[in-house]
C-alpha atoms as a PDB file:
ATOM      1  CA  MET A   1      71.750  73.187  87.053  1.00  0.00           C
ATOM      2  CA  ARG A   2      69.113  76.002  84.920  1.00  0.00           C
ATOM      3  CA  ILE A   3      65.494  75.768  85.625  1.00  0.00           C
ATOM      4  CA  LEU A   4      62.686  77.361  83.900  1.00  0.00           C
ATOM      5  CA  LEU A   5      59.752  78.256  86.162  1.00  0.00           C
ATOM      6  CA  VAL A   6      56.146  79.101  84.282  1.00  0.00           C
ATOM      7  CA  GLU A   7      53.760  80.823  86.719  1.00  0.00           C
ATOM      8  CA  ASP A   8      51.517  83.659  86.492  1.00  0.00           C
ATOM      9  CA  ASP A   9      51.460  84.579  90.360  1.00  0.00           C
ATOM     10  CA  SER A  10      54.370  86.782  90.495  1.00  0.00           C
ATOM     11  CA  LEU A  11      54.803  86.476  94.374  1.00  0.00           C
ATOM     12  CA  ALA A  12      54.198  83.021  94.085  1.00  0.00           C
ATOM     13  CA  GLY A  13      57.187  82.709  91.680  1.00  0.00           C
ATOM     14  CA  GLU A  14      59.179  84.949  93.331  1.00  0.00           C
ATOM     15  CA  LEU A  15      59.297  82.807  96.454  1.00  0.00           C
ATOM     16  CA  LEU A  16      59.997  80.028  94.610  1.00  0.00           C
ATOM     17  CA  VAL A  17      62.642  81.434  92.417  1.00  0.00           C
ATOM     18  CA  SER A  18      64.262  82.447  96.121  1.00  0.00           C
ATOM     19  CA  HIS A  19      63.800  79.036  97.407  1.00  0.00           C
ATOM     20  CA  LEU A  20      65.526  77.594  94.297  1.00  0.00           C
ATOM     21  CA  LYS A  21      68.271  79.936  94.006  1.00  0.00           C
ATOM     22  CA  LYS A  22      69.320  79.492  97.647  1.00  0.00           C
ATOM     23  CA  ARG A  23      70.081  76.119  96.479  1.00  0.00           C
ATOM     24  CA  CYS A  24      72.129  77.030  93.935  1.00  0.00           C
ATOM     25  CA  TYR A  25      69.951  76.650  90.740  1.00  0.00           C
ATOM     26  CA  THR A  26      69.936  79.210  88.113  1.00  0.00           C
ATOM     27  CA  VAL A  27      66.308  79.818  87.293  1.00  0.00           C
ATOM     28  CA  ASP A  28      64.409  82.034  84.694  1.00  0.00           C
ATOM     29  CA  LEU A  29      60.510  82.736  85.469  1.00  0.00           C
ATOM     30  CA  ALA A  30      57.882  83.459  82.814  1.00  0.00           C
ATOM     31  CA  ILE A  31      54.561  84.896  83.990  1.00  0.00           C
ATOM     32  CA  ASP A  32      52.447  83.533  81.033  1.00  0.00           C
ATOM     33  CA  GLY A  33      52.769  80.386  78.907  1.00  0.00           C
ATOM     34  CA  GLN A  34      53.400  81.696  75.516  1.00  0.00           C
ATOM     35  CA  VAL A  35      56.779  83.516  76.956  1.00  0.00           C
ATOM     36  CA  GLY A  36      57.159  80.076  78.853  1.00  0.00           C
ATOM     37  CA  PHE A  37      57.169  78.117  75.454  1.00  0.00           C
ATOM     38  CA  GLU A  38      59.344  80.825  73.441  1.00  0.00           C
ATOM     39  CA  LEU A  39      62.101  80.490  76.136  1.00  0.00           C
ATOM     40  CA  ALA A  40      61.939  76.560  76.041  1.00  0.00           C
ATOM     41  CA  ASN A  41      62.682  76.679  72.833  1.00  0.00           C
ATOM     42  CA  GLN A  42      65.559  79.479  72.909  1.00  0.00           C
ATOM     43  CA  TRP A  43      67.457  78.046  75.970  1.00  0.00           C
ATOM     44  CA  SER A  44      68.633  74.701  77.297  1.00  0.00           C
ATOM     45  CA  TYR A  45      67.061  73.787  80.635  1.00  0.00           C
ATOM     46  CA  ASN A  46      67.541  71.028  82.837  1.00  0.00           C
ATOM     47  CA  LEU A  47      64.043  71.020  83.982  1.00  0.00           C
ATOM     48  CA  ILE A  48      60.736  73.013  83.436  1.00  0.00           C
ATOM     49  CA  VAL A  49      58.435  73.754  86.293  1.00  0.00           C
ATOM     50  CA  LEU A  50      55.050  74.340  84.561  1.00  0.00           C
ATOM     51  CA  ASP A  51      51.784  75.858  86.099  1.00  0.00           C
ATOM     52  CA  VAL A  52      48.696  74.737  84.500  1.00  0.00           C
ATOM     53  CA  GLN A  53      46.236  77.622  84.633  1.00  0.00           C
ATOM     54  CA  LEU A  54      48.644  80.354  82.824  1.00  0.00           C
ATOM     55  CA  PRO A  55      47.413  83.236  80.505  1.00  0.00           C
ATOM     56  CA  LYS A  56      47.836  83.209  76.626  1.00  0.00           C
ATOM     57  CA  LEU A  57      48.817  79.650  76.660  1.00  0.00           C
ATOM     58  CA  ASP A  58      47.619  77.387  79.177  1.00  0.00           C
ATOM     59  CA  GLY A  59      50.349  74.663  80.826  1.00  0.00           C
ATOM     60  CA  LEU A  60      48.745  71.823  79.174  1.00  0.00           C
ATOM     61  CA  SER A  61      49.124  73.283  75.766  1.00  0.00           C
ATOM     62  CA  VAL A  62      52.635  74.674  76.628  1.00  0.00           C
ATOM     63  CA  CYS A  63      53.397  70.309  77.438  1.00  0.00           C
ATOM     64  CA  ARG A  64      51.760  69.130  74.454  1.00  0.00           C
ATOM     65  CA  GLN A  65      53.626  71.682  71.986  1.00  0.00           C
ATOM     66  CA  LEU A  66      57.198  70.697  73.746  1.00  0.00           C
ATOM     67  CA  ARG A  67      56.851  67.165  73.598  1.00  0.00           C
ATOM     68  CA  GLY A  68      55.473  67.530  69.767  1.00  0.00           C
ATOM     69  CA  GLN A  69      58.229  69.039  68.628  1.00  0.00           C
ATOM     70  CA  GLY A  70      60.663  66.537  70.342  1.00  0.00           C
ATOM     71  CA  CYS A  71      61.836  68.306  73.608  1.00  0.00           C
ATOM     72  CA  GLU A  72      62.855  65.755  76.315  1.00  0.00           C
ATOM     73  CA  THR A  73      63.619  68.196  78.914  1.00  0.00           C
ATOM     74  CA  PRO A  74      61.880  66.941  82.208  1.00  0.00           C
ATOM     75  CA  ILE A  75      58.463  68.679  82.953  1.00  0.00           C
ATOM     76  CA  LEU A  76      56.876  69.308  86.383  1.00  0.00           C
ATOM     77  CA  MET A  77      53.475  70.496  86.510  1.00  0.00           C
ATOM     78  CA  LEU A  78      52.620  72.545  89.111  1.00  0.00           C
ATOM     79  CA  THR A  79      48.852  73.853  90.207  1.00  0.00           C
ATOM     80  CA  ALA A  80      46.207  74.107  92.587  1.00  0.00           C
ATOM     81  CA  ARG A  81      44.058  71.536  90.971  1.00  0.00           C
ATOM     82  CA  ASP A  82      43.883  68.325  92.676  1.00  0.00           C
ATOM     83  CA  ALA A  83      41.428  66.120  90.866  1.00  0.00           C
ATOM     84  CA  SER A  84      42.498  62.712  89.960  1.00  0.00           C
ATOM     85  CA  ASP A  85      41.397  63.497  86.254  1.00  0.00           C
ATOM     86  CA  ASP A  86      43.705  66.608  86.058  1.00  0.00           C
ATOM     87  CA  VAL A  87      46.771  64.710  86.947  1.00  0.00           C
ATOM     88  CA  VAL A  88      45.968  62.275  84.573  1.00  0.00           C
ATOM     89  CA  THR A  89      45.458  64.644  81.809  1.00  0.00           C
ATOM     90  CA  GLY A  90      48.678  66.249  82.808  1.00  0.00           C
ATOM     91  CA  LEU A  91      50.763  63.143  82.598  1.00  0.00           C
ATOM     92  CA  ASP A  92      49.263  62.385  79.456  1.00  0.00           C
ATOM     93  CA  ALA A  93      50.193  65.579  77.778  1.00  0.00           C
ATOM     94  CA  GLY A  94      53.766  64.323  78.615  1.00  0.00           C
ATOM     95  CA  ALA A  95      54.837  65.771  82.234  1.00  0.00           C
ATOM     96  CA  ASP A  96      57.398  63.851  84.306  1.00  0.00           C
ATOM     97  CA  ASP A  97      55.584  64.621  87.576  1.00  0.00           C
ATOM     98  CA  TYR A  98      53.067  66.274  88.981  1.00  0.00           C
ATOM     99  CA  VAL A  99      52.717  68.501  92.359  1.00  0.00           C
ATOM    100  CA  THR A 100      49.709  69.842  93.740  1.00  0.00           C
ATOM    101  CA  LYS A 101      49.496  73.412  95.063  1.00  0.00           C
ATOM    102  CA  PRO A 102      49.839  74.529  97.999  1.00  0.00           C
ATOM    103  CA  CYS A 103      53.173  72.472  98.559  1.00  0.00           C
ATOM    104  CA  ASP A 104      56.220  72.824 100.917  1.00  0.00           C
ATOM    105  CA  PRO A 105      58.681  74.441  98.985  1.00  0.00           C
ATOM    106  CA  ALA A 106      61.215  71.777 100.310  1.00  0.00           C
ATOM    107  CA  GLN A 107      59.134  69.083  99.429  1.00  0.00           C
ATOM    108  CA  LEU A 108      58.953  70.957  95.648  1.00  0.00           C
ATOM    109  CA  THR A 109      62.978  70.972  95.816  1.00  0.00           C
ATOM    110  CA  ALA A 110      62.952  67.133  96.646  1.00  0.00           C
ATOM    111  CA  ARG A 111      60.777  66.407  93.736  1.00  0.00           C
ATOM    112  CA  ILE A 112      62.870  68.728  91.549  1.00  0.00           C
ATOM    113  CA  ARG A 113      66.141  66.919  92.776  1.00  0.00           C
ATOM    114  CA  SER A 114      64.552  63.462  91.878  1.00  0.00           C
ATOM    115  CA  LEU A 115      63.634  64.582  88.343  1.00  0.00           C
ATOM    116  CA  LEU A 116      67.061  65.820  87.602  1.00  0.00           C
ATOM    117  CA  ARG A 117      68.490  62.472  88.772  1.00  0.00           C
ATOM    118  CA  ARG A 118      66.519  60.696  86.014  1.00  0.00           C
ATOM    119  CA  GLY A 119      68.477  59.441  83.283  1.00  0.00           C
ATOM    120  CA  GLN A 120      71.479  60.862  84.672  1.00  0.00           C
ATOM    121  CA  GLN A 121      74.463  58.764  86.105  1.00  0.00           C
ATOM    122  CA  PRO A 122      74.565  59.233  90.089  1.00  0.00           C
ATOM    123  CA  LEU A 123      77.111  61.335  91.137  1.00  0.00           C
ATOM    124  CA  SER A 124      80.249  59.327  92.300  1.00  0.00           C
ATOM    125  CA  LEU A 125      80.612  61.436  95.441  1.00  0.00           C
ATOM    126  CA  PRO A 126      78.110  63.844  97.380  1.00  0.00           C
ATOM    127  CA  THR A 127      81.346  66.389  98.161  1.00  0.00           C
ATOM    128  CA  LEU A 128      83.432  68.089  95.678  1.00  0.00           C
ATOM    129  CA  CYS A 129      87.106  68.533  96.539  1.00  0.00           C
ATOM    130  CA  TRP A 130      90.201  70.544  95.819  1.00  0.00           C
ATOM    131  CA  GLY A 131      92.547  69.849  98.388  1.00  0.00           C
ATOM    132  CA  ASP A 132      91.135  70.740 101.586  1.00  0.00           C
ATOM    133  CA  LEU A 133      88.421  72.617 100.130  1.00  0.00           C
ATOM    134  CA  SER A 134      85.151  70.766 100.023  1.00  0.00           C
ATOM    135  CA  LEU A 135      81.750  71.564  98.520  1.00  0.00           C
ATOM    136  CA  HIS A 136      79.107  69.867 100.112  1.00  0.00           C
ATOM    137  CA  LEU A 137      76.234  69.337  97.439  1.00  0.00           C
ATOM    138  CA  ASP A 138      73.844  68.097  99.914  1.00  0.00           C
ATOM    139  CA  SER A 139      73.748  70.925 101.871  1.00  0.00           C
ATOM    140  CA  ALA A 140      75.165  73.471  99.610  1.00  0.00           C
ATOM    141  CA  GLU A 141      78.124  74.562 102.191  1.00  0.00           C
ATOM    142  CA  VAL A 142      81.854  74.973 101.377  1.00  0.00           C
ATOM    143  CA  PHE A 143      84.375  74.381 104.032  1.00  0.00           C
ATOM    144  CA  TYR A 144      88.171  74.891 104.046  1.00  0.00           C
ATOM    145  CA  GLN A 145      89.269  72.070 106.338  1.00  0.00           C
ATOM    146  CA  THR A 146      86.567  72.866 109.309  1.00  0.00           C
ATOM    147  CA  THR A 147      86.106  76.453 108.625  1.00  0.00           C
ATOM    148  CA  LYS A 148      82.910  77.041 107.060  1.00  0.00           C
ATOM    149  CA  VAL A 149      83.323  79.677 104.011  1.00  0.00           C
ATOM    150  CA  PRO A 150      80.250  81.800 103.475  1.00  0.00           C
ATOM    151  CA  LEU A 151      79.203  82.282  99.905  1.00  0.00           C
ATOM    152  CA  THR A 152      76.727  84.056  98.250  1.00  0.00           C
ATOM    153  CA  ALA A 153      74.515  81.779  96.248  1.00  0.00           C
ATOM    154  CA  LYS A 154      76.275  82.738  92.900  1.00  0.00           C
ATOM    155  CA  GLU A 155      79.782  82.614  94.420  1.00  0.00           C
ATOM    156  CA  TYR A 156      78.955  78.951  95.631  1.00  0.00           C
ATOM    157  CA  THR A 157      77.661  78.371  91.778  1.00  0.00           C
ATOM    158  CA  LEU A 158      80.535  79.545  90.370  1.00  0.00           C
ATOM    159  CA  LEU A 159      82.828  77.520  92.455  1.00  0.00           C
ATOM    160  CA  ALA A 160      80.671  74.440  91.873  1.00  0.00           C
ATOM    161  CA  TYR A 161      81.044  74.740  88.330  1.00  0.00           C
ATOM    162  CA  PHE A 162      84.732  75.061  88.239  1.00  0.00           C
ATOM    163  CA  LEU A 163      85.100  71.969  90.523  1.00  0.00           C
ATOM    164  CA  ARG A 164      82.721  69.918  88.124  1.00  0.00           C
ATOM    165  CA  HIS A 165      84.706  70.997  85.029  1.00  0.00           C
ATOM    166  CA  PRO A 166      88.506  70.685  86.259  1.00  0.00           C
ATOM    167  CA  GLN A 167      91.243  72.102  83.702  1.00  0.00           C
ATOM    168  CA  ARG A 168      88.593  73.465  81.489  1.00  0.00           C
ATOM    169  CA  VAL A 169      88.584  76.969  80.468  1.00  0.00           C
ATOM    170  CA  PHE A 170      85.504  79.138  80.247  1.00  0.00           C
ATOM    171  CA  SER A 171      85.438  82.327  78.799  1.00  0.00           C
ATOM    172  CA  ARG A 172      83.035  85.317  80.697  1.00  0.00           C
ATOM    173  CA  CYS A 173      80.293  84.627  78.020  1.00  0.00           C
ATOM    174  CA  ALA A 174      80.044  81.011  78.523  1.00  0.00           C
ATOM    175  CA  LEU A 175      80.039  81.624  82.475  1.00  0.00           C
ATOM    176  CA  ILE A 176      77.423  84.316  81.932  1.00  0.00           C
ATOM    177  CA  ASP A 177      75.101  81.736  79.713  1.00  0.00           C
ATOM    178  CA  ARG A 178      75.421  79.316  82.417  1.00  0.00           C
ATOM    179  CA  LEU A 179      75.230  80.861  85.706  1.00  0.00           C
ATOM    180  CA  TRP A 180      72.757  83.696  85.319  1.00  0.00           C
ATOM    181  CA  PRO A 181      68.939  83.872  84.270  1.00  0.00           C
ATOM    182  CA  MET A 182      67.924  85.026  80.969  1.00  0.00           C
ATOM    183  CA  ASP A 183      66.497  88.244  82.560  1.00  0.00           C
ATOM    184  CA  GLU A 184      69.914  89.373  83.558  1.00  0.00           C
ATOM    185  CA  SER A 185      72.306  90.999  81.222  1.00  0.00           C
ATOM    186  CA  PRO A 186      75.782  90.865  83.593  1.00  0.00           C
ATOM    187  CA  SER A 187      78.867  92.352  81.784  1.00  0.00           C
ATOM    188  CA  ASP A 188      82.150  90.989  81.644  1.00  0.00           C
ATOM    189  CA  ALA A 189      83.152  92.803  84.757  1.00  0.00           C
ATOM    190  CA  THR A 190      80.415  91.434  86.990  1.00  0.00           C
ATOM    191  CA  VAL A 191      81.998  87.863  85.944  1.00  0.00           C
ATOM    192  CA  THR A 192      85.680  89.766  86.719  1.00  0.00           C
ATOM    193  CA  ASN A 193      84.234  90.983  90.322  1.00  0.00           C
ATOM    194  CA  LEU A 194      82.570  87.402  90.939  1.00  0.00           C
ATOM    195  CA  VAL A 195      85.808  85.573  90.596  1.00  0.00           C
ATOM    196  CA  LYS A 196      87.624  88.330  92.513  1.00  0.00           C
ATOM    197  CA  ASP A 197      85.006  88.121  95.473  1.00  0.00           C
ATOM    198  CA  LEU A 198      85.370  84.491  95.623  1.00  0.00           C
ATOM    199  CA  ARG A 199      89.066  84.611  95.623  1.00  0.00           C
ATOM    200  CA  ARG A 200      88.885  87.048  98.576  1.00  0.00           C
ATOM    201  CA  LYS A 201      86.531  85.046 100.575  1.00  0.00           C
ATOM    202  CA  LEU A 202      88.516  81.771 100.352  1.00  0.00           C
ATOM    203  CA  LYS A 203      91.773  83.705 101.357  1.00  0.00           C
ATOM    204  CA  ASN A 204      89.979  85.071 104.151  1.00  0.00           C
ATOM    205  CA  ALA A 205      89.090  81.550 105.345  1.00  0.00           C
ATOM    206  CA  GLY A 206      92.729  80.874 104.964  1.00  0.00           C
ATOM    207  CA  LEU A 207      93.085  79.269 101.660  1.00  0.00           C
ATOM    208  CA  VAL A 208      96.392  80.478 100.357  1.00  0.00           C
ATOM    209  CA  GLU A 209      96.829  79.347  96.593  1.00  0.00           C
ATOM    210  CA  ASP A 210      94.378  80.626  94.123  1.00  0.00           C
ATOM    211  CA  VAL A 211      91.520  77.976  93.206  1.00  0.00           C
ATOM    212  CA  ILE A 212      90.719  79.795  90.042  1.00  0.00           C
ATOM    213  CA  GLU A 213      93.649  80.630  87.398  1.00  0.00           C
ATOM    214  CA  THR A 214      93.316  83.507  85.086  1.00  0.00           C
ATOM    215  CA  VAL A 215      94.049  82.534  81.282  1.00  0.00           C
ATOM    216  CA  TYR A 216      94.697  85.618  79.798  1.00  0.00           C
ATOM    217  CA  GLY A 217      92.722  86.276  76.532  1.00  0.00           C
ATOM    218  CA  LEU A 218      90.806  83.064  77.058  1.00  0.00           C
ATOM    219  CA  GLY A 219      88.955  83.211  80.532  1.00  0.00           C
ATOM    220  CA  TYR A 220      89.429  80.902  83.792  1.00  0.00           C
ATOM    221  CA  ARG A 221      89.967  77.465  84.777  1.00  0.00           C
ATOM    222  CA  LEU A 222      90.612  75.318  87.940  1.00  0.00           C
ATOM    223  CA  GLU A 223      93.993  75.352  89.227  1.00  0.00           C
ATOM    224  CA  ALA A 224      95.433  72.145  89.893  1.00  0.00           C
ATOM    225  CA  ALA A 225      94.913  70.913  93.618  1.00  0.00           C
ATOM    226  CA  PRO A 226      97.486  71.698  95.922  1.00  0.00           C
ATOM    227  CA  PRO A 227      98.706  69.883  99.156  1.00  0.00           C
ATOM    228  CA  THR A 228      96.594  69.852 102.105  1.00  0.00           C
ATOM    229  CA  SER A 229      96.959  72.419 104.919  1.00  0.00           C
ATOM    230  CA  GLN A 230      95.729  73.509 108.018  1.00  0.00           C
ATOM    231  CA  LEU A 231      93.678  76.191 109.367  1.00  0.00           C
ATOM    232  CA  GLN A 232      91.164  77.240 112.401  1.00  0.00           C
ATOM    233  CA  ASP A 233      87.778  77.790 112.563  1.00  0.00           C
ATOM    234  CA  GLU A 234      85.708  80.872 111.703  1.00  0.00           C
ATOM    235  CA  ASP A 235      82.020  81.484 112.762  1.00  0.00           C
ATOM    236  CA  THR A 236      79.678  83.729 110.497  1.00  0.00           C
ATOM    237  CA  SER A 237      76.218  84.608 111.336  1.00  0.00           C
ATOM    238  CA  ARG A 238      73.858  86.916 109.225  1.00  0.00           C
ATOM    239  CA  LEU A 239      71.003  88.854 110.838  1.00  0.00           C
ATOM    240  CA  GLU A 240      69.626  90.328 107.465  1.00  0.00           C
ATOM    241  CA  PRO A 241      66.035  89.259 106.540  1.00  0.00           C
ATOM    242  CA  THR A 242      65.634  86.425 104.025  1.00  0.00           C
ATOM    243  CA  ALA A 243      64.352  87.045 100.910  1.00  0.00           C
ATOM    244  CA  GLU A 244      61.561  84.607 101.704  1.00  0.00           C
ATOM    245  CA  GLN A 245      60.775  87.089 104.665  1.00  0.00           C
ATOM    246  CA  VAL A 246      60.754  90.171 102.281  1.00  0.00           C
ATOM    247  CA  ILE A 247      58.678  88.423  99.779  1.00  0.00           C
ATOM    248  CA  PHE A 248      56.352  87.125 102.992  1.00  0.00           C
ATOM    249  CA  GLU A 249      56.087  90.962 103.876  1.00  0.00           C
ATOM    250  CA  ARG A 250      55.073  92.235 100.309  1.00  0.00           C
ATOM    251  CA  PHE A 251      52.450  89.649 100.049  1.00  0.00           C
ATOM    252  CA  ARG A 252      51.008  90.169 103.589  1.00  0.00           C
ATOM    253  CA  ALA A 253      50.781  94.124 102.505  1.00  0.00           C
ATOM    254  CA  SER A 254      48.941  93.237  99.420  1.00  0.00           C
ATOM    255  CA  LEU A 255      46.372  90.456 101.124  1.00  0.00           C
ATOM    256  CA  GLY A 256      43.901  93.116 102.489  1.00  0.00           C
ATOM    257  CA  GLU A 257      43.449  94.435  98.753  1.00  0.00           C
ATOM    258  CA  ARG A 258      43.413  91.159  97.164  1.00  0.00           C
ATOM    259  CA  ILE A 259      40.751  89.672  99.848  1.00  0.00           C
ATOM    260  CA  ALA A 260      38.650  92.783  99.003  1.00  0.00           C
ATOM    261  CA  GLN A 261      38.544  92.047  95.508  1.00  0.00           C
ATOM    262  CA  VAL A 262      37.308  88.385  95.866  1.00  0.00           C
ATOM    263  CA  ASP A 263      34.795  89.769  98.670  1.00  0.00           C
ATOM    264  CA  GLY A 264      33.528  92.268  96.462  1.00  0.00           C
ATOM    265  CA  ALA A 265      32.808  89.485  93.872  1.00  0.00           C
ATOM    266  CA  LEU A 266      31.017  87.358  96.381  1.00  0.00           C
ATOM    267  CA  ALA A 267      28.972  90.170  97.141  1.00  0.00           C
ATOM    268  CA  ALA A 268      28.038  91.022  93.797  1.00  0.00           C
ATOM    269  CA  PHE A 269      27.120  87.376  93.140  1.00  0.00           C
ATOM    270  CA  GLN A 270      24.676  87.716  96.222  1.00  0.00           C
ATOM    271  CA  SER A 271      22.930  90.707  94.627  1.00  0.00           C
ATOM    272  CA  GLY A 272      22.840  89.087  91.064  1.00  0.00           C
ATOM    273  CA  ALA A 273      25.033  91.923  89.849  1.00  0.00           C
ATOM    274  CA  LEU A 274      28.177  89.810  89.300  1.00  0.00           C
ATOM    275  CA  GLY A 275      29.337  90.404  85.791  1.00  0.00           C
ATOM    276  CA  VAL A 276      31.443  88.095  83.449  1.00  0.00           C
ATOM    277  CA  GLN A 277      34.831  90.051  83.648  1.00  0.00           C
ATOM    278  CA  GLN A 278      34.411  90.676  87.535  1.00  0.00           C
ATOM    279  CA  ARG A 279      33.729  86.787  87.995  1.00  0.00           C
ATOM    280  CA  GLN A 280      36.901  85.949  86.039  1.00  0.00           C
ATOM    281  CA  ASN A 281      39.370  88.335  87.831  1.00  0.00           C
ATOM    282  CA  ALA A 282      37.853  87.066  91.561  1.00  0.00           C
ATOM    283  CA  ILE A 283      38.263  83.157  90.235  1.00  0.00           C
ATOM    284  CA  THR A 284      41.906  84.119  89.066  1.00  0.00           C
ATOM    285  CA  GLU A 285      42.604  85.736  92.397  1.00  0.00           C
ATOM    286  CA  ALA A 286      41.100  83.115  94.426  1.00  0.00           C
ATOM    287  CA  HIS A 287      42.898  80.391  92.600  1.00  0.00           C
ATOM    288  CA  GLN A 288      46.239  82.432  93.018  1.00  0.00           C
ATOM    289  CA  LEU A 289      45.636  82.925  96.580  1.00  0.00           C
ATOM    290  CA  ALA A 290      45.141  79.411  97.113  1.00  0.00           C
ATOM    291  CA  GLY A 291      48.413  78.567  95.854  1.00  0.00           C
ATOM    292  CA  THR A 292      50.573  81.144  97.509  1.00  0.00           C
ATOM    293  CA  LEU A 293      48.772  80.963 100.987  1.00  0.00           C
ATOM    294  CA  GLY A 294      49.594  77.274 100.908  1.00  0.00           C
ATOM    295  CA  MET A 295      53.029  77.906 100.260  1.00  0.00           C
ATOM    296  CA  PHE A 296      53.205  80.039 103.221  1.00  0.00           C
ATOM    297  CA  GLY A 297      51.544  77.223 104.946  1.00  0.00           C
ATOM    298  CA  ALA A 298      47.929  78.978 105.408  1.00  0.00           C
ATOM    299  CA  ASN A 299      46.146  75.666 104.658  1.00  0.00           C
ATOM    300  CA  PRO A 300      42.787  76.712 106.071  1.00  0.00           C
ATOM    301  CA  ALA A 301      43.193  80.084 104.058  1.00  0.00           C
ATOM    302  CA  THR A 302      43.960  77.777 101.044  1.00  0.00           C
ATOM    303  CA  ASP A 303      41.094  75.528 101.425  1.00  0.00           C
ATOM    304  CA  LEU A 304      38.761  78.757 101.828  1.00  0.00           C
ATOM    305  CA  MET A 305      40.229  80.178  98.664  1.00  0.00           C
ATOM    306  CA  LYS A 306      39.442  76.727  96.758  1.00  0.00           C
ATOM    307  CA  THR A 307      35.702  76.720  98.048  1.00  0.00           C
ATOM    308  CA  ILE A 308      35.376  80.268  96.677  1.00  0.00           C
ATOM    309  CA  GLU A 309      37.102  79.520  93.306  1.00  0.00           C
ATOM    310  CA  GLN A 310      34.638  76.484  92.893  1.00  0.00           C
ATOM    311  CA  LEU A 311      31.374  78.580  93.720  1.00  0.00           C
ATOM    312  CA  LEU A 312      32.551  81.381  91.495  1.00  0.00           C
ATOM    313  CA  MET A 313      32.840  79.027  88.811  1.00  0.00           C
ATOM    314  CA  CYS A 314      29.333  77.285  89.295  1.00  0.00           C
ATOM    315  CA  ALA A 315      26.614  78.367  86.917  1.00  0.00           C
ATOM    316  CA  GLU A 316      24.026  77.963  89.853  1.00  0.00           C
ATOM    317  CA  ARG A 317      22.595  80.753  91.752  1.00  0.00           C
ATOM    318  CA  GLY A 318      20.068  79.146  94.274  1.00  0.00           C
ATOM    319  CA  GLU A 319      19.368  79.496  97.869  1.00  0.00           C
ATOM    320  CA  ALA A 320      22.279  77.053  99.085  1.00  0.00           C
ATOM    321  CA  GLN A 321      25.036  78.895  96.846  1.00  0.00           C
ATOM    322  CA  LEU A 322      23.516  82.215  98.223  1.00  0.00           C
ATOM    323  CA  ALA A 323      23.892  81.267 101.716  1.00  0.00           C
ATOM    324  CA  GLN A 324      27.191  79.690 101.118  1.00  0.00           C
ATOM    325  CA  ALA A 325      28.504  83.028  99.729  1.00  0.00           C
ATOM    326  CA  GLY A 326      27.597  84.614 102.805  1.00  0.00           C
ATOM    327  CA  GLN A 327      29.302  82.278 105.150  1.00  0.00           C
ATOM    328  CA  LEU A 328      32.507  82.615 102.972  1.00  0.00           C
ATOM    329  CA  ARG A 329      32.583  86.481 103.099  1.00  0.00           C
ATOM    330  CA  VAL A 330      32.237  85.889 106.948  1.00  0.00           C
ATOM    331  CA  ALA A 331      35.429  83.659 106.834  1.00  0.00           C
ATOM    332  CA  LEU A 332      37.306  85.936 104.423  1.00  0.00           C
ATOM    333  CA  GLN A 333      37.703  88.565 107.510  1.00  0.00           C
ATOM    334  CA  ASP A 334      39.522  86.485 109.582  1.00  0.00           C
ATOM    335  CA  VAL A 335      42.362  85.533 106.904  1.00  0.00           C
ATOM    336  CA  PRO A 336      44.636  88.767 107.150  1.00  0.00           C
ATOM    337  CA  SER A 337      44.557  88.855 111.017  1.00  0.00           C
ATOM    338  CA  ALA A 338      45.537  85.080 111.174  1.00  0.00           C
ATOM    339  CA  PHE A 339      48.110  85.485 108.559  1.00  0.00           C
ATOM    340  CA  GLN A 340      50.804  87.610 110.462  1.00  0.00           C
ATOM    341  CA  CYS A 341      53.657  85.752 110.808  1.00  0.00           C
ATOM    342  CA  PRO A 342      56.072  83.910 108.155  1.00  0.00           C
ATOM    343  CA  PRO A 343      56.126  79.995 108.512  1.00  0.00           C
ATOM    344  CA  TRP A 344      60.151  80.325 108.734  1.00  0.00           C
ATOM    345  CA  PRO A 345      62.386  81.824 111.183  1.00  0.00           C
END
């Protein structure tokens, strides 16, 4: 399944891409609405996840233009806006579903699965089998008899693709088009090595027969399924940091500087020296921080950023707003110290 994610917050986008790739989706990431619109026209996607507040072309406009030219790809709107009018506007623009940030990535994935199921025939089996080899779609795990086969996301996706299309021959170019995102340009040798790695891991698990046959001059296809066989269990563990943990550390490292930018705008608001550009930059920063902090489970900090965004968007600058700005600046100082550990193990 190929997904287009249009999200201008690079860290939030990377976090979602990592989460979706672990569930064996192929994901293209666009950081503004214009690029997202162009990609949606150039490539065939199973789903588009679209933020509303985007530079160059906002998400609602992207959605309307795609629907206006006959695009039927399911669209999931993803935004920090939670007002009922915004929800109605998004759905009226042609979106199929609307998720408010901050959202738990697991819940977002469930909504994505639900959208992908719409208009499709339900799967007859939750497991794809080839002799004693079984690929479990629900858990994204592969077993040979009772032995778990440790595959990378790309190896899993390749195996699943062949199991879904038995007896079909796929060239290396066809596999690249279906299994790699647009911003990656692997060579034919990359596909060859991926097939070799998959074969090697299956053999290490005890599978003697080749699952994937080389059709010389054409590409690869799934071999005919063999009779059943027996093998023992194997246990594999990984202690390397996950992609989510790496992204968390990058976000945490940048958090102090980003909060300082918002705090500087609040200080300028108090003194009456807040310029148009500084105001807009701080509004954008607070909006993006609200979404990313929420994805990491920091809900109080998310609410704080939403309040700051609303204050800076307000045209009034009376005593109440000045007092609120002071309170928000105090609350901002506690965010970095309270945000030390990722929400996942």
